[in-house]
PDB file of N, CA and C in Angstrom:
ATOM      1  N   GLN A   1       0.840  -1.179   0.000  1.00  0.00           N
ATOM      2  CA  GLN A   1       0.000   0.000   0.000  1.00  0.00           C
ATOM      3  C   GLN A   1       0.882   1.238   0.000  1.00  0.00           C
ATOM      4  N   PRO A   2       0.483   2.265  -0.705  1.00  0.00           N
ATOM      5  CA  PRO A   2       1.264   3.501  -0.692  1.00  0.00           C
ATOM      6  C   PRO A   2       1.157   4.191   0.667  1.00  0.00           C
ATOM      7  N   ASP A   3       2.212   4.870   1.044  1.00  0.00           N
ATOM      8  CA  ASP A   3       2.231   5.646   2.284  1.00  0.00           C
ATOM      9  C   ASP A   3       1.987   7.102   1.904  1.00  0.00           C
ATOM     10  N   LEU A   4       0.740   7.522   1.926  1.00  0.00           N
ATOM     11  CA  LEU A   4       0.367   8.866   1.495  1.00  0.00           C
ATOM     12  C   LEU A   4       0.389   9.833   2.665  1.00  0.00           C
ATOM     13  N   ASN A   5       0.733  11.084   2.376  1.00  0.00           N
ATOM     14  CA  ASN A   5       0.755  12.132   3.384  1.00  0.00           C
ATOM     15  C   ASN A   5      -0.580  12.872   3.347  1.00  0.00           C
ATOM     16  N   TYR A   6      -1.507  12.455   4.181  1.00  0.00           N
ATOM     17  CA  TYR A   6      -2.831  13.065   4.199  1.00  0.00           C
ATOM     18  C   TYR A   6      -2.818  14.484   4.757  1.00  0.00           C
ATOM     19  N   GLU A   7      -1.693  14.910   5.311  1.00  0.00           N
ATOM     20  CA  GLU A   7      -1.553  16.304   5.750  1.00  0.00           C
ATOM     21  C   GLU A   7      -1.507  17.241   4.544  1.00  0.00           C
ATOM     22  N   ASN A   8      -1.104  16.713   3.402  1.00  0.00           N
ATOM     23  CA  ASN A   8      -0.941  17.501   2.189  1.00  0.00           C
ATOM     24  C   ASN A   8      -2.304  17.690   1.513  1.00  0.00           C
ATOM     25  N   PRO A   9      -2.754  18.944   1.351  1.00  0.00           N
ATOM     26  CA  PRO A   9      -4.052  19.185   0.710  1.00  0.00           C
ATOM     27  C   PRO A   9      -4.145  18.601  -0.704  1.00  0.00           C
ATOM     28  N   ALA A  10      -3.034  18.561  -1.425  1.00  0.00           N
ATOM     29  CA  ALA A  10      -3.055  17.990  -2.777  1.00  0.00           C
ATOM     30  C   ALA A  10      -3.357  16.492  -2.733  1.00  0.00           C
ATOM     31  N   VAL A  11      -2.857  15.809  -1.716  1.00  0.00           N
ATOM     32  CA  VAL A  11      -3.154  14.381  -1.556  1.00  0.00           C
ATOM     33  C   VAL A  11      -4.646  14.197  -1.277  1.00  0.00           C
ATOM     34  N   GLN A  12      -5.185  15.013  -0.402  1.00  0.00           N
ATOM     35  CA  GLN A  12      -6.613  14.926  -0.099  1.00  0.00           C
ATOM     36  C   GLN A  12      -7.450  15.145  -1.356  1.00  0.00           C
ATOM     37  N   GLU A  13      -7.069  16.132  -2.165  1.00  0.00           N
ATOM     38  CA  GLU A  13      -7.811  16.403  -3.398  1.00  0.00           C
ATOM     39  C   GLU A  13      -7.726  15.234  -4.369  1.00  0.00           C
ATOM     40  N   GLU A  14      -6.565  14.599  -4.451  1.00  0.00           N
ATOM     41  CA  GLU A  14      -6.417  13.441  -5.343  1.00  0.00           C
ATOM     42  C   GLU A  14      -7.247  12.253  -4.867  1.00  0.00           C
ATOM     43  N   ILE A  15      -7.329  12.074  -3.557  1.00  0.00           N
ATOM     44  CA  ILE A  15      -8.178  11.005  -3.023  1.00  0.00           C
ATOM     45  C   ILE A  15      -9.630  11.265  -3.409  1.00  0.00           C
ATOM     46  N   LEU A  16     -10.080  12.501  -3.226  1.00  0.00           N
ATOM     47  CA  LEU A  16     -11.454  12.841  -3.601  1.00  0.00           C
ATOM     48  C   LEU A  16     -11.673  12.681  -5.101  1.00  0.00           C
ATOM     49  N   ALA A  17     -10.683  13.045  -5.908  1.00  0.00           N
ATOM     50  CA  ALA A  17     -10.796  12.882  -7.362  1.00  0.00           C
ATOM     51  C   ALA A  17     -10.911  11.406  -7.736  1.00  0.00           C
ATOM     52  N   ALA A  18     -10.152  10.553  -7.058  1.00  0.00           N
ATOM     53  CA  ALA A  18     -10.229   9.114  -7.330  1.00  0.00           C
ATOM     54  C   ALA A  18     -11.606   8.568  -6.953  1.00  0.00           C
ATOM     55  N   LEU A  19     -12.143   9.020  -5.824  1.00  0.00           N
ATOM     56  CA  LEU A  19     -13.487   8.596  -5.428  1.00  0.00           C
ATOM     57  C   LEU A  19     -14.513   9.032  -6.468  1.00  0.00           C
ATOM     58  N   ARG A  20     -14.408  10.288  -6.918  1.00  0.00           N
ATOM     59  CA  ARG A  20     -15.345  10.791  -7.933  1.00  0.00           C
ATOM     60  C   ARG A  20     -15.234   9.998  -9.231  1.00  0.00           C
ATOM     61  N   PHE A  21     -14.013   9.644  -9.625  1.00  0.00           N
ATOM     62  CA  PHE A  21     -13.808   8.861 -10.844  1.00  0.00           C
ATOM     63  C   PHE A  21     -14.638   7.579 -10.803  1.00  0.00           C
ATOM     64  N   TRP A  22     -14.496   6.827  -9.718  1.00  0.00           N
ATOM     65  CA  TRP A  22     -15.210   5.552  -9.610  1.00  0.00           C
ATOM     66  C   TRP A  22     -16.707   5.751  -9.440  1.00  0.00           C
ATOM     67  N   LEU A  23     -17.094   6.779  -8.685  1.00  0.00           N
ATOM     68  CA  LEU A  23     -18.521   7.048  -8.513  1.00  0.00           C
ATOM     69  C   LEU A  23     -19.167   7.458  -9.831  1.00  0.00           C
ATOM     70  N   ASP A  24     -18.455   8.207 -10.653  1.00  0.00           N
ATOM     71  CA  ASP A  24     -18.973   8.587 -11.967  1.00  0.00           C
ATOM     72  C   ASP A  24     -19.163   7.371 -12.871  1.00  0.00           C
ATOM     73  N   LEU A  25     -18.404   6.319 -12.624  1.00  0.00           N
ATOM     74  CA  LEU A  25     -18.573   5.078 -13.383  1.00  0.00           C
ATOM     75  C   LEU A  25     -19.749   4.241 -12.874  1.00  0.00           C
ATOM     76  N   GLY A  26     -20.296   4.638 -11.717  1.00  0.00           N
ATOM     77  CA  GLY A  26     -21.512   3.997 -11.238  1.00  0.00           C
ATOM     78  C   GLY A  26     -21.378   3.036 -10.075  1.00  0.00           C
ATOM     79  N   ILE A  27     -20.221   3.000  -9.405  1.00  0.00           N
ATOM     80  CA  ILE A  27     -20.145   2.103  -8.254  1.00  0.00           C
ATOM     81  C   ILE A  27     -21.045   2.626  -7.132  1.00  0.00           C
ATOM     82  N   ASP A  28     -21.404   1.740  -6.224  1.00  0.00           N
ATOM     83  CA  ASP A  28     -22.344   2.083  -5.156  1.00  0.00           C
ATOM     84  C   ASP A  28     -21.686   2.419  -3.836  1.00  0.00           C
ATOM     85  N   GLY A  29     -20.382   2.157  -3.699  1.00  0.00           N
ATOM     86  CA  GLY A  29     -19.748   2.442  -2.427  1.00  0.00           C
ATOM     87  C   GLY A  29     -18.298   2.025  -2.380  1.00  0.00           C
ATOM     88  N   PHE A  30     -17.688   2.305  -1.243  1.00  0.00           N
ATOM     89  CA  PHE A  30     -16.278   2.013  -1.002  1.00  0.00           C
ATOM     90  C   PHE A  30     -16.093   1.371   0.358  1.00  0.00           C
ATOM     91  N   ARG A  31     -15.138   0.483   0.441  1.00  0.00           N
ATOM     92  CA  ARG A  31     -14.615   0.019   1.722  1.00  0.00           C
ATOM     93  C   ARG A  31     -13.297   0.753   1.912  1.00  0.00           C
ATOM     94  N   VAL A  32     -13.179   1.488   2.991  1.00  0.00           N
ATOM     95  CA  VAL A  32     -11.986   2.285   3.257  1.00  0.00           C
ATOM     96  C   VAL A  32     -11.123   1.511   4.250  1.00  0.00           C
ATOM     97  N   ASP A  33      -9.957   1.100   3.816  1.00  0.00           N
ATOM     98  CA  ASP A  33      -9.082   0.217   4.585  1.00  0.00           C
ATOM     99  C   ASP A  33      -8.146   1.018   5.490  1.00  0.00           C
ATOM    100  N   ALA A  34      -7.846   0.489   6.652  1.00  0.00           N
ATOM    101  CA  ALA A  34      -6.851   1.039   7.592  1.00  0.00           C
ATOM    102  C   ALA A  34      -7.121   2.499   7.963  1.00  0.00           C
ATOM    103  N   VAL A  35      -8.372   2.836   8.147  1.00  0.00           N
ATOM    104  CA  VAL A  35      -8.756   4.210   8.466  1.00  0.00           C
ATOM    105  C   VAL A  35      -8.019   4.785   9.679  1.00  0.00           C
ATOM    106  N   PRO A  36      -7.808   4.026  10.756  1.00  0.00           N
ATOM    107  CA  PRO A  36      -7.143   4.630  11.911  1.00  0.00           C
ATOM    108  C   PRO A  36      -5.721   5.109  11.629  1.00  0.00           C
ATOM    109  N   TYR A  37      -5.165   4.732  10.497  1.00  0.00           N
ATOM    110  CA  TYR A  37      -3.752   5.037  10.242  1.00  0.00           C
ATOM    111  C   TYR A  37      -3.548   5.971   9.053  1.00  0.00           C
ATOM    112  N   LEU A  38      -4.585   6.712   8.669  1.00  0.00           N
ATOM    113  CA  LEU A  38      -4.421   7.672   7.579  1.00  0.00           C
ATOM    114  C   LEU A  38      -3.432   8.765   7.962  1.00  0.00           C
ATOM    115  N   TYR A  39      -3.530   9.223   9.194  1.00  0.00           N
ATOM    116  CA  TYR A  39      -2.635  10.269   9.696  1.00  0.00           C
ATOM    117  C   TYR A  39      -1.694   9.652  10.718  1.00  0.00           C
ATOM    118  N   GLN A  40      -0.494  10.201  10.788  1.00  0.00           N
ATOM    119  CA  GLN A  40       0.504   9.685  11.722  1.00  0.00           C
ATOM    120  C   GLN A  40       0.926  10.788  12.687  1.00  0.00           C
ATOM    121  N   ARG A  41       0.975  10.453  13.957  1.00  0.00           N
ATOM    122  CA  ARG A  41       1.435  11.371  15.002  1.00  0.00           C
ATOM    123  C   ARG A  41       2.409  10.625  15.895  1.00  0.00           C
ATOM    124  N   GLU A  42       3.609  11.163  16.023  1.00  0.00           N
ATOM    125  CA  GLU A  42       4.580  10.550  16.932  1.00  0.00           C
ATOM    126  C   GLU A  42       4.032  10.578  18.349  1.00  0.00           C
ATOM    127  N   GLY A  43       4.331   9.530  19.083  1.00  0.00           N
ATOM    128  CA  GLY A  43       3.886   9.440  20.466  1.00  0.00           C
ATOM    129  C   GLY A  43       2.458   8.938  20.615  1.00  0.00           C
ATOM    130  N   THR A  44       1.828   8.559  19.494  1.00  0.00           N
ATOM    131  CA  THR A  44       0.473   8.000  19.547  1.00  0.00           C
ATOM    132  C   THR A  44       0.454   6.683  18.778  1.00  0.00           C
ATOM    133  N   ASN A  45      -0.635   5.948  18.932  1.00  0.00           N
ATOM    134  CA  ASN A  45      -0.816   4.754  18.102  1.00  0.00           C
ATOM    135  C   ASN A  45      -1.543   5.111  16.802  1.00  0.00           C
ATOM    136  N   CYS A  46      -1.762   6.402  16.586  1.00  0.00           N
ATOM    137  CA  CYS A  46      -2.384   6.973  15.377  1.00  0.00           C
ATOM    138  C   CYS A  46      -3.881   6.700  15.283  1.00  0.00           C
ATOM    139  N   GLU A  47      -4.446   6.059  16.264  1.00  0.00           N
ATOM    140  CA  GLU A  47      -5.869   5.751  16.232  1.00  0.00           C
ATOM    141  C   GLU A  47      -6.675   6.892  16.839  1.00  0.00           C
ATOM    142  N   ASN A  48      -7.820   7.164  16.221  1.00  0.00           N
ATOM    143  CA  ASN A  48      -8.787   8.121  16.757  1.00  0.00           C
ATOM    144  C   ASN A  48      -8.268   9.559  16.764  1.00  0.00           C
ATOM    145  N   LEU A  49      -7.448   9.913  15.784  1.00  0.00           N
ATOM    146  CA  LEU A  49      -6.939  11.280  15.694  1.00  0.00           C
ATOM    147  C   LEU A  49      -8.014  12.207  15.124  1.00  0.00           C
ATOM    148  N   PRO A  50      -8.107  13.439  15.637  1.00  0.00           N
ATOM    149  CA  PRO A  50      -9.130  14.372  15.144  1.00  0.00           C
ATOM    150  C   PRO A  50      -9.033  14.619  13.641  1.00  0.00           C
ATOM    151  N   GLU A  51      -7.827  14.691  13.107  1.00  0.00           N
ATOM    152  CA  GLU A  51      -7.686  14.966  11.681  1.00  0.00           C
ATOM    153  C   GLU A  51      -8.221  13.823  10.819  1.00  0.00           C
ATOM    154  N   THR A  52      -8.157  12.606  11.330  1.00  0.00           N
ATOM    155  CA  THR A  52      -8.747  11.478  10.610  1.00  0.00           C
ATOM    156  C   THR A  52     -10.257  11.655  10.522  1.00  0.00           C
ATOM    157  N   HIS A  53     -10.864  11.987  11.648  1.00  0.00           N
ATOM    158  CA  HIS A  53     -12.313  12.202  11.667  1.00  0.00           C
ATOM    159  C   HIS A  53     -12.702  13.364  10.754  1.00  0.00           C
ATOM    160  N   ASN A  54     -11.915  14.436  10.772  1.00  0.00           N
ATOM    161  CA  ASN A  54     -12.213  15.596   9.929  1.00  0.00           C
ATOM    162  C   ASN A  54     -12.159  15.239   8.447  1.00  0.00           C
ATOM    163  N   PHE A  55     -11.148  14.468   8.048  1.00  0.00           N
ATOM    164  CA  PHE A  55     -11.043  14.086   6.641  1.00  0.00           C
ATOM    165  C   PHE A  55     -12.207  13.180   6.236  1.00  0.00           C
ATOM    166  N   LEU A  56     -12.550  12.221   7.078  1.00  0.00           N
ATOM    167  CA  LEU A  56     -13.668  11.332   6.750  1.00  0.00           C
ATOM    168  C   LEU A  56     -14.992  12.093   6.672  1.00  0.00           C
ATOM    169  N   LYS A  57     -15.165  13.090   7.528  1.00  0.00           N
ATOM    170  CA  LYS A  57     -16.368  13.932   7.447  1.00  0.00           C
ATOM    171  C   LYS A  57     -16.394  14.697   6.128  1.00  0.00           C
ATOM    172  N   ARG A  58     -15.230  15.155   5.700  1.00  0.00           N
ATOM    173  CA  ARG A  58     -15.140  15.865   4.419  1.00  0.00           C
ATOM    174  C   ARG A  58     -15.496  14.935   3.257  1.00  0.00           C
ATOM    175  N   VAL A  59     -14.969  13.723   3.291  1.00  0.00           N
ATOM    176  CA  VAL A  59     -15.279  12.733   2.254  1.00  0.00           C
ATOM    177  C   VAL A  59     -16.777  12.445   2.243  1.00  0.00           C
ATOM    178  N   ARG A  60     -17.345  12.195   3.414  1.00  0.00           N
ATOM    179  CA  ARG A  60     -18.776  11.895   3.504  1.00  0.00           C
ATOM    180  C   ARG A  60     -19.609  13.055   2.968  1.00  0.00           C
ATOM    181  N   LYS A  61     -19.233  14.287   3.332  1.00  0.00           N
ATOM    182  CA  LYS A  61     -19.976  15.466   2.880  1.00  0.00           C
ATOM    183  C   LYS A  61     -19.924  15.589   1.361  1.00  0.00           C
ATOM    184  N   GLU A  62     -18.749  15.403   0.788  1.00  0.00           N
ATOM    185  CA  GLU A  62     -18.575  15.479  -0.669  1.00  0.00           C
ATOM    186  C   GLU A  62     -19.425  14.417  -1.367  1.00  0.00           C
ATOM    187  N   ILE A  63     -19.382  13.211  -0.868  1.00  0.00           N
ATOM    188  CA  ILE A  63     -20.136  12.120  -1.495  1.00  0.00           C
ATOM    189  C   ILE A  63     -21.638  12.336  -1.332  1.00  0.00           C
ATOM    190  N   ASP A  64     -22.078  12.721  -0.140  1.00  0.00           N
ATOM    191  CA  ASP A  64     -23.509  12.950   0.078  1.00  0.00           C
ATOM    192  C   ASP A  64     -24.046  14.054  -0.827  1.00  0.00           C
ATOM    193  N   ALA A  65     -23.242  15.098  -1.043  1.00  0.00           N
ATOM    194  CA  ALA A  65     -23.684  16.232  -1.851  1.00  0.00           C
ATOM    195  C   ALA A  65     -23.825  15.869  -3.326  1.00  0.00           C
ATOM    196  N   ASN A  66     -22.986  14.961  -3.803  1.00  0.00           N
ATOM    197  CA  ASN A  66     -22.939  14.696  -5.239  1.00  0.00           C
ATOM    198  C   ASN A  66     -23.329  13.284  -5.655  1.00  0.00           C
ATOM    199  N   TYR A  67     -23.316  12.359  -4.714  1.00  0.00           N
ATOM    200  CA  TYR A  67     -23.610  10.953  -5.018  1.00  0.00           C
ATOM    201  C   TYR A  67     -24.468  10.359  -3.898  1.00  0.00           C
ATOM    202  N   PRO A  68     -25.737  10.764  -3.828  1.00  0.00           N
ATOM    203  CA  PRO A  68     -26.581  10.269  -2.737  1.00  0.00           C
ATOM    204  C   PRO A  68     -26.701   8.743  -2.758  1.00  0.00           C
ATOM    205  N   ASP A  69     -26.911   8.190  -1.596  1.00  0.00           N
ATOM    206  CA  ASP A  69     -27.104   6.745  -1.407  1.00  0.00           C
ATOM    207  C   ASP A  69     -25.839   5.924  -1.621  1.00  0.00           C
ATOM    208  N   THR A  70     -24.679   6.562  -1.566  1.00  0.00           N
ATOM    209  CA  THR A  70     -23.408   5.843  -1.682  1.00  0.00           C
ATOM    210  C   THR A  70     -22.992   5.329  -0.307  1.00  0.00           C
ATOM    211  N   VAL A  71     -22.482   4.110  -0.271  1.00  0.00           N
ATOM    212  CA  VAL A  71     -22.048   3.479   0.971  1.00  0.00           C
ATOM    213  C   VAL A  71     -20.552   3.709   1.173  1.00  0.00           C
ATOM    214  N   LEU A  72     -20.181   4.109   2.383  1.00  0.00           N
ATOM    215  CA  LEU A  72     -18.780   4.135   2.809  1.00  0.00           C
ATOM    216  C   LEU A  72     -18.671   3.195   3.996  1.00  0.00           C
ATOM    217  N   LEU A  73     -17.847   2.193   3.876  1.00  0.00           N
ATOM    218  CA  LEU A  73     -17.657   1.226   4.947  1.00  0.00           C
ATOM    219  C   LEU A  73     -16.201   1.301   5.383  1.00  0.00           C
ATOM    220  N   ALA A  74     -15.972   1.803   6.588  1.00  0.00           N
ATOM    221  CA  ALA A  74     -14.613   2.018   7.071  1.00  0.00           C
ATOM    222  C   ALA A  74     -14.168   0.894   7.992  1.00  0.00           C
ATOM    223  N   GLU A  75     -12.953   0.428   7.776  1.00  0.00           N
ATOM    224  CA  GLU A  75     -12.332  -0.531   8.689  1.00  0.00           C
ATOM    225  C   GLU A  75     -11.871   0.240   9.916  1.00  0.00           C
ATOM    226  N   ALA A  76     -12.354  -0.138  11.076  1.00  0.00           N
ATOM    227  CA  ALA A  76     -12.070   0.628  12.286  1.00  0.00           C
ATOM    228  C   ALA A  76     -10.906   0.082  13.097  1.00  0.00           C
ATOM    229  N   ASN A  77     -10.677  -1.225  13.075  1.00  0.00           N
ATOM    230  CA  ASN A  77      -9.617  -1.835  13.886  1.00  0.00           C
ATOM    231  C   ASN A  77      -9.764  -1.527  15.370  1.00  0.00           C
ATOM    232  N   GLN A  78     -10.967  -1.335  15.825  1.00  0.00           N
ATOM    233  CA  GLN A  78     -11.215  -1.008  17.226  1.00  0.00           C
ATOM    234  C   GLN A  78     -12.109  -2.077  17.838  1.00  0.00           C
ATOM    235  N   TRP A  79     -11.719  -2.584  18.983  1.00  0.00           N
ATOM    236  CA  TRP A  79     -12.561  -3.533  19.699  1.00  0.00           C
ATOM    237  C   TRP A  79     -13.637  -2.783  20.452  1.00  0.00           C
ATOM    238  N   PRO A  80     -14.846  -3.313  20.502  1.00  0.00           N
ATOM    239  CA  PRO A  80     -15.904  -2.649  21.270  1.00  0.00           C
ATOM    240  C   PRO A  80     -15.560  -2.641  22.754  1.00  0.00           C
ATOM    241  N   GLU A  81     -15.999  -1.603  23.419  1.00  0.00           N
ATOM    242  CA  GLU A  81     -15.746  -1.494  24.860  1.00  0.00           C
ATOM    243  C   GLU A  81     -16.840  -2.164  25.649  1.00  0.00           C
TER     244      GLU A  81
END
Protein backbone atom coordinates (compact mmCIF):
# COMPACT_ATOMS: atom_id res chain seq x y z
CA GLN A 1 0.00 0.00 0.00
CA PRO A 2 1.26 3.50 -0.69
CA ASP A 3 2.23 5.65 2.28
CA LEU A 4 0.37 8.87 1.50
CA ASN A 5 0.76 12.13 3.38
CA TYR A 6 -2.83 13.07 4.20
CA GLU A 7 -1.55 16.30 5.75
CA ASN A 8 -0.94 17.50 2.19
CA PRO A 9 -4.05 19.18 0.71
CA ALA A 10 -3.05 17.99 -2.78
CA VAL A 11 -3.15 14.38 -1.56
CA GLN A 12 -6.61 14.93 -0.10
CA GLU A 13 -7.81 16.40 -3.40
CA GLU A 14 -6.42 13.44 -5.34
CA ILE A 15 -8.18 11.01 -3.02
CA LEU A 16 -11.45 12.84 -3.60
CA ALA A 17 -10.80 12.88 -7.36
CA ALA A 18 -10.23 9.11 -7.33
CA LEU A 19 -13.49 8.60 -5.43
CA ARG A 20 -15.34 10.79 -7.93
CA PHE A 21 -13.81 8.86 -10.84
CA TRP A 22 -15.21 5.55 -9.61
CA LEU A 23 -18.52 7.05 -8.51
CA ASP A 24 -18.97 8.59 -11.97
CA LEU A 25 -18.57 5.08 -13.38
CA GLY A 26 -21.51 4.00 -11.24
CA ILE A 27 -20.14 2.10 -8.25
CA ASP A 28 -22.34 2.08 -5.16
CA GLY A 29 -19.75 2.44 -2.43
CA PHE A 30 -16.28 2.01 -1.00
CA ARG A 31 -14.62 0.02 1.72
CA VAL A 32 -11.99 2.28 3.26
CA ASP A 33 -9.08 0.22 4.59
CA ALA A 34 -6.85 1.04 7.59
CA VAL A 35 -8.76 4.21 8.47
CA PRO A 36 -7.14 4.63 11.91
CA TYR A 37 -3.75 5.04 10.24
CA LEU A 38 -4.42 7.67 7.58
CA TYR A 39 -2.64 10.27 9.70
CA GLN A 40 0.50 9.68 11.72
CA ARG A 41 1.43 11.37 15.00
CA GLU A 42 4.58 10.55 16.93
CA GLY A 43 3.89 9.44 20.47
CA THR A 44 0.47 8.00 19.55
CA ASN A 45 -0.82 4.75 18.10
CA CYS A 46 -2.38 6.97 15.38
CA GLU A 47 -5.87 5.75 16.23
CA ASN A 48 -8.79 8.12 16.76
CA LEU A 49 -6.94 11.28 15.69
CA PRO A 50 -9.13 14.37 15.14
CA GLU A 51 -7.69 14.97 11.68
CA THR A 52 -8.75 11.48 10.61
CA HIS A 53 -12.31 12.20 11.67
CA ASN A 54 -12.21 15.60 9.93
CA PHE A 55 -11.04 14.09 6.64
CA LEU A 56 -13.67 11.33 6.75
CA LYS A 57 -16.37 13.93 7.45
CA ARG A 58 -15.14 15.87 4.42
CA VAL A 59 -15.28 12.73 2.25
CA ARG A 60 -18.78 11.90 3.50
CA LYS A 61 -19.98 15.47 2.88
CA GLU A 62 -18.57 15.48 -0.67
CA ILE A 63 -20.14 12.12 -1.50
CA ASP A 64 -23.51 12.95 0.08
CA ALA A 65 -23.68 16.23 -1.85
CA ASN A 66 -22.94 14.70 -5.24
CA TYR A 67 -23.61 10.95 -5.02
CA PRO A 68 -26.58 10.27 -2.74
CA ASP A 69 -27.10 6.74 -1.41
CA THR A 70 -23.41 5.84 -1.68
CA VAL A 71 -22.05 3.48 0.97
CA LEU A 72 -18.78 4.13 2.81
CA LEU A 73 -17.66 1.23 4.95
CA ALA A 74 -14.61 2.02 7.07
CA GLU A 75 -12.33 -0.53 8.69
CA ALA A 76 -12.07 0.63 12.29
CA ASN A 77 -9.62 -1.84 13.89
CA GLN A 78 -11.21 -1.01 17.23
CA TRP A 79 -12.56 -3.53 19.70
CA PRO A 80 -15.90 -2.65 21.27
CA GLU A 81 -15.75 -1.49 24.86
